[in-house]
PDB file of N, CA and C in Angstrom:
ATOM      1  N   MET A   1     170.332 289.788  41.553  1.00  0.00           N
ATOM      2  CA  MET A   1     171.265 290.874  40.651  1.00  0.00           C
ATOM      3  C   MET A   1     172.557 291.010  41.428  1.00  0.00           C
ATOM      4  N   VAL A   2     172.830 291.420  42.609  1.00  0.00           N
ATOM      5  CA  VAL A   2     173.788 291.366  43.263  1.00  0.00           C
ATOM      6  C   VAL A   2     175.390 290.208  43.304  1.00  0.00           C
ATOM      7  N   GLN A   3     174.566 289.296  43.136  1.00  0.00           N
ATOM      8  CA  GLN A   3     175.306 287.417  43.056  1.00  0.00           C
ATOM      9  C   GLN A   3     175.957 288.165  41.750  1.00  0.00           C
ATOM     10  N   ALA A   4     174.789 288.109  40.532  1.00  0.00           N
ATOM     11  CA  ALA A   4     175.055 287.861  39.119  1.00  0.00           C
ATOM     12  C   ALA A   4     176.560 289.278  38.925  1.00  0.00           C
ATOM     13  N   ARG A   5     176.490 290.249  39.666  1.00  0.00           N
ATOM     14  CA  ARG A   5     177.316 291.239  39.435  1.00  0.00           C
ATOM     15  C   ARG A   5     178.410 291.064  39.563  1.00  0.00           C
ATOM     16  N   ALA A   6     178.829 290.325  41.006  1.00  0.00           N
ATOM     17  CA  ALA A   6     179.776 290.297  41.723  1.00  0.00           C
ATOM     18  C   ALA A   6     180.146 288.530  41.214  1.00  0.00           C
ATOM     19  N   ALA A   7     179.544 288.129  40.853  1.00  0.00           N
ATOM     20  CA  ALA A   7     180.202 286.925  39.858  1.00  0.00           C
ATOM     21  C   ALA A   7     180.593 287.447  38.300  1.00  0.00           C
ATOM     22  N   ALA A   8     180.348 288.300  37.504  1.00  0.00           N
ATOM     23  CA  ALA A   8     180.589 288.661  36.571  1.00  0.00           C
ATOM     24  C   ALA A   8     182.208 289.807  36.866  1.00  0.00           C
ATOM     25  N   LEU A   9     182.568 290.190  38.076  1.00  0.00           N
ATOM     26  CA  LEU A   9     183.872 290.936  38.250  1.00  0.00           C
ATOM     27  C   LEU A   9     184.797 289.801  38.873  1.00  0.00           C
ATOM     28  N   GLY A  10     184.209 288.112  39.225  1.00  0.00           N
ATOM     29  CA  GLY A  10     185.345 287.566  39.977  1.00  0.00           C
ATOM     30  C   GLY A  10     185.332 287.662  41.449  1.00  0.00           C
ATOM     31  N   LEU A  11     183.880 287.751  42.046  1.00  0.00           N
ATOM     32  CA  LEU A  11     184.295 288.300  43.739  1.00  0.00           C
ATOM     33  C   LEU A  11     183.643 287.404  44.070  1.00  0.00           C
ATOM     34  N   THR A  12     183.458 286.954  44.714  1.00  0.00           N
ATOM     35  CA  THR A  12     182.438 285.734  45.585  1.00  0.00           C
ATOM     36  C   THR A  12     182.306 286.649  47.456  1.00  0.00           C
ATOM     37  N   LEU A  13     180.927 287.119  47.500  1.00  0.00           N
ATOM     38  CA  LEU A  13     180.000 287.336  48.298  1.00  0.00           C
ATOM     39  C   LEU A  13     179.732 286.549  49.150  1.00  0.00           C
ATOM     40  N   PRO A  14     180.448 286.676  50.869  1.00  0.00           N
ATOM     41  CA  PRO A  14     179.664 285.390  52.104  1.00  0.00           C
ATOM     42  C   PRO A  14     178.544 286.532  52.051  1.00  0.00           C
ATOM     43  N   ASP A  15     177.413 285.266  52.490  1.00  0.00           N
ATOM     44  CA  ASP A  15     176.044 285.053  53.021  1.00  0.00           C
ATOM     45  C   ASP A  15     176.198 286.459  53.962  1.00  0.00           C
ATOM     46  N   ALA A  16     177.131 286.167  54.795  1.00  0.00           N
ATOM     47  CA  ALA A  16     176.639 287.134  56.210  1.00  0.00           C
ATOM     48  C   ALA A  16     176.952 288.622  55.985  1.00  0.00           C
ATOM     49  N   CYS A  17     176.970 289.190  54.502  1.00  0.00           N
ATOM     50  CA  CYS A  17     177.803 290.196  53.465  1.00  0.00           C
ATOM     51  C   CYS A  17     176.760 290.939  53.029  1.00  0.00           C
ATOM     52  N   MET A  18     176.017 289.936  52.457  1.00  0.00           N
ATOM     53  CA  MET A  18     175.213 290.235  51.164  1.00  0.00           C
ATOM     54  C   MET A  18     173.645 291.114  51.532  1.00  0.00           C
ATOM     55  N   GLN A  19     173.214 290.671  52.901  1.00  0.00           N
ATOM     56  CA  GLN A  19     172.451 292.394  53.258  1.00  0.00           C
ATOM     57  C   GLN A  19     173.011 293.339  53.155  1.00  0.00           C
ATOM     58  N   GLY A  20     173.994 293.174  53.878  1.00  0.00           N
ATOM     59  CA  GLY A  20     175.061 295.060  53.679  1.00  0.00           C
ATOM     60  C   GLY A  20     175.141 295.260  52.298  1.00  0.00           C
ATOM     61  N   VAL A  21     175.759 294.547  51.159  1.00  0.00           N
ATOM     62  CA  VAL A  21     175.998 294.914  50.449  1.00  0.00           C
ATOM     63  C   VAL A  21     174.671 295.711  49.461  1.00  0.00           C
ATOM     64  N   ILE A  22     173.373 294.191  50.145  1.00  0.00           N
ATOM     65  CA  ILE A  22     171.954 294.859  48.840  1.00  0.00           C
ATOM     66  C   ILE A  22     171.917 296.551  49.666  1.00  0.00           C
ATOM     67  N   GLY A  23     172.208 296.856  50.630  1.00  0.00           N
ATOM     68  CA  GLY A  23     171.353 298.056  51.431  1.00  0.00           C
ATOM     69  C   GLY A  23     172.176 299.313  50.721  1.00  0.00           C
ATOM     70  N   ASN A  24     173.612 298.858  50.886  1.00  0.00           N
ATOM     71  CA  ASN A  24     174.637 299.780  50.278  1.00  0.00           C
ATOM     72  C   ASN A  24     174.250 300.226  48.410  1.00  0.00           C
ATOM     73  N   THR A  25     173.919 298.759  48.130  1.00  0.00           N
ATOM     74  CA  THR A  25     173.857 298.955  46.076  1.00  0.00           C
ATOM     75  C   THR A  25     172.255 299.866  46.414  1.00  0.00           C
ATOM     76  N   ASP A  26     171.346 299.845  47.315  1.00  0.00           N
ATOM     77  CA  ASP A  26     169.769 300.381  46.647  1.00  0.00           C
ATOM     78  C   ASP A  26     170.541 301.763  47.461  1.00  0.00           C
ATOM     79  N   LEU A  27     171.050 302.632  48.019  1.00  0.00           N
ATOM     80  CA  LEU A  27     171.353 303.299  48.722  1.00  0.00           C
ATOM     81  C   LEU A  27     172.207 304.208  47.333  1.00  0.00           C
ATOM     82  N   LEU A  28     173.084 303.802  47.061  1.00  0.00           N
ATOM     83  CA  LEU A  28     173.571 303.956  45.457  1.00  0.00           C
ATOM     84  C   LEU A  28     173.096 304.343  44.463  1.00  0.00           C
ATOM     85  N   ASN A  29     171.885 303.356  44.316  1.00  0.00           N
ATOM     86  CA  ASN A  29     170.903 303.679  43.378  1.00  0.00           C
ATOM     87  C   ASN A  29     169.713 305.121  43.492  1.00  0.00           C
ATOM     88  N   HIS A  30     170.188 305.256  44.756  1.00  0.00           N
ATOM     89  CA  HIS A  30     169.193 306.095  45.299  1.00  0.00           C
ATOM     90  C   HIS A  30     169.914 307.295  45.006  1.00  0.00           C
ATOM     91  N   TYR A  31     171.476 308.181  45.836  1.00  0.00           N
ATOM     92  CA  TYR A  31     171.932 308.594  44.647  1.00  0.00           C
ATOM     93  C   TYR A  31     171.913 309.022  43.337  1.00  0.00           C
ATOM     94  N   THR A  32     172.161 307.945  42.688  1.00  0.00           N
ATOM     95  CA  THR A  32     172.201 308.115  41.424  1.00  0.00           C
ATOM     96  C   THR A  32     170.747 308.639  40.844  1.00  0.00           C
ATOM     97  N   ALA A  33     169.612 308.373  41.044  1.00  0.00           N
ATOM     98  CA  ALA A  33     168.820 309.034  40.538  1.00  0.00           C
ATOM     99  C   ALA A  33     168.147 310.088  40.882  1.00  0.00           C
ATOM    100  N   LEU A  34     168.602 310.729  42.028  1.00  0.00           N
ATOM    101  CA  LEU A  34     168.911 312.475  42.278  1.00  0.00           C
ATOM    102  C   LEU A  34     170.261 313.173  41.531  1.00  0.00           C
ATOM    103  N   LEU A  35     171.922 312.183  41.429  1.00  0.00           N
ATOM    104  CA  LEU A  35     171.938 312.949  40.527  1.00  0.00           C
ATOM    105  C   LEU A  35     171.560 313.034  38.989  1.00  0.00           C
ATOM    106  N   GLU A  36     171.139 311.793  38.505  1.00  0.00           N
ATOM    107  CA  GLU A  36     170.016 312.164  37.376  1.00  0.00           C
ATOM    108  C   GLU A  36     169.300 313.557  37.082  1.00  0.00           C
ATOM    109  N   GLN A  37     169.068 314.016  38.346  1.00  0.00           N
ATOM    110  CA  GLN A  37     167.707 314.885  37.890  1.00  0.00           C
ATOM    111  C   GLN A  37     168.357 315.834  37.914  1.00  0.00           C
ATOM    112  N   VAL A  38     169.529 316.592  37.588  1.00  0.00           N
ATOM    113  CA  VAL A  38     170.644 317.670  37.770  1.00  0.00           C
ATOM    114  C   VAL A  38     170.716 317.852  36.476  1.00  0.00           C
ATOM    115  N   SER A  39     170.752 318.798  35.981  1.00  0.00           N
ATOM    116  CA  SER A  39     171.163 319.131  34.610  1.00  0.00           C
ATOM    117  C   SER A  39     172.222 319.805  34.451  1.00  0.00           C
ATOM    118  N   LEU A  40     173.451 319.866  33.758  1.00  0.00           N
ATOM    119  CA  LEU A  40     174.839 319.883  33.402  1.00  0.00           C
ATOM    120  C   LEU A  40     174.861 320.254  32.471  1.00  0.00           C
ATOM    121  N   PRO A  41     174.824 321.413  31.710  1.00  0.00           N
ATOM    122  CA  PRO A  41     175.193 321.960  30.646  1.00  0.00           C
ATOM    123  C   PRO A  41     177.201 321.373  30.358  1.00  0.00           C
ATOM    124  N   ASP A  42     176.747 321.639  28.607  1.00  0.00           N
ATOM    125  CA  ASP A  42     178.366 321.349  28.698  1.00  0.00           C
ATOM    126  C   ASP A  42     179.304 322.343  28.526  1.00  0.00           C
ATOM    127  N   LEU A  43     178.748 323.444  29.163  1.00  0.00           N
ATOM    128  CA  LEU A  43     179.603 324.641  29.399  1.00  0.00           C
ATOM    129  C   LEU A  43     180.321 324.630  30.708  1.00  0.00           C
ATOM    130  N   CYS A  44     179.844 323.766  31.709  1.00  0.00           N
ATOM    131  CA  CYS A  44     180.598 323.658  33.085  1.00  0.00           C
ATOM    132  C   CYS A  44     181.943 323.611  33.009  1.00  0.00           C
ATOM    133  N   GLU A  45     182.387 324.199  33.558  1.00  0.00           N
ATOM    134  CA  GLU A  45     183.829 324.287  33.674  1.00  0.00           C
ATOM    135  C   GLU A  45     184.498 323.200  34.885  1.00  0.00           C
ATOM    136  N   PRO A  46     185.173 322.599  34.421  1.00  0.00           N
ATOM    137  CA  PRO A  46     185.798 321.609  35.383  1.00  0.00           C
ATOM    138  C   PRO A  46     186.491 322.147  36.752  1.00  0.00           C
ATOM    139  N   ALA A  47     186.466 321.133  37.606  1.00  0.00           N
ATOM    140  CA  ALA A  47     186.625 321.886  39.075  1.00  0.00           C
ATOM    141  C   ALA A  47     188.515 322.482  38.854  1.00  0.00           C
ATOM    142  N   GLY A  48     188.984 322.962  39.234  1.00  0.00           N
ATOM    143  CA  GLY A  48     190.461 322.838  38.671  1.00  0.00           C
ATOM    144  C   GLY A  48     191.217 322.697  39.839  1.00  0.00           C
ATOM    145  N   GLU A  49     190.285 323.377  40.876  1.00  0.00           N
ATOM    146  CA  GLU A  49     191.548 321.985  42.488  1.00  0.00           C
ATOM    147  C   GLU A  49     190.783 321.821  43.111  1.00  0.00           C
ATOM    148  N   TYR A  50     190.875 320.942  44.496  1.00  0.00           N
ATOM    149  CA  TYR A  50     189.933 320.585  45.203  1.00  0.00           C
ATOM    150  C   TYR A  50     190.639 321.093  46.726  1.00  0.00           C
ATOM    151  N   THR A  51     190.119 321.709  47.480  1.00  0.00           N
ATOM    152  CA  THR A  51     190.393 321.482  48.709  1.00  0.00           C
ATOM    153  C   THR A  51     189.526 321.429  49.815  1.00  0.00           C
ATOM    154  N   PRO A  52     189.769 320.448  50.107  1.00  0.00           N
ATOM    155  CA  PRO A  52     188.952 319.830  51.122  1.00  0.00           C
ATOM    156  C   PRO A  52     188.663 320.600  52.649  1.00  0.00           C
TER     157      PRO A  52
END
């Protein structure tokens, strides 16, 4: 799946990077699943300013 997505974007992934890309993709999929569990109503105000 990672190689197919990379090819669709015109990217070449070296074999040495593949395990890292797959690991990062798995981690991001986990974060996505966590975010999808949060209910955000349409009434939420957007953040007006970000201060780190």
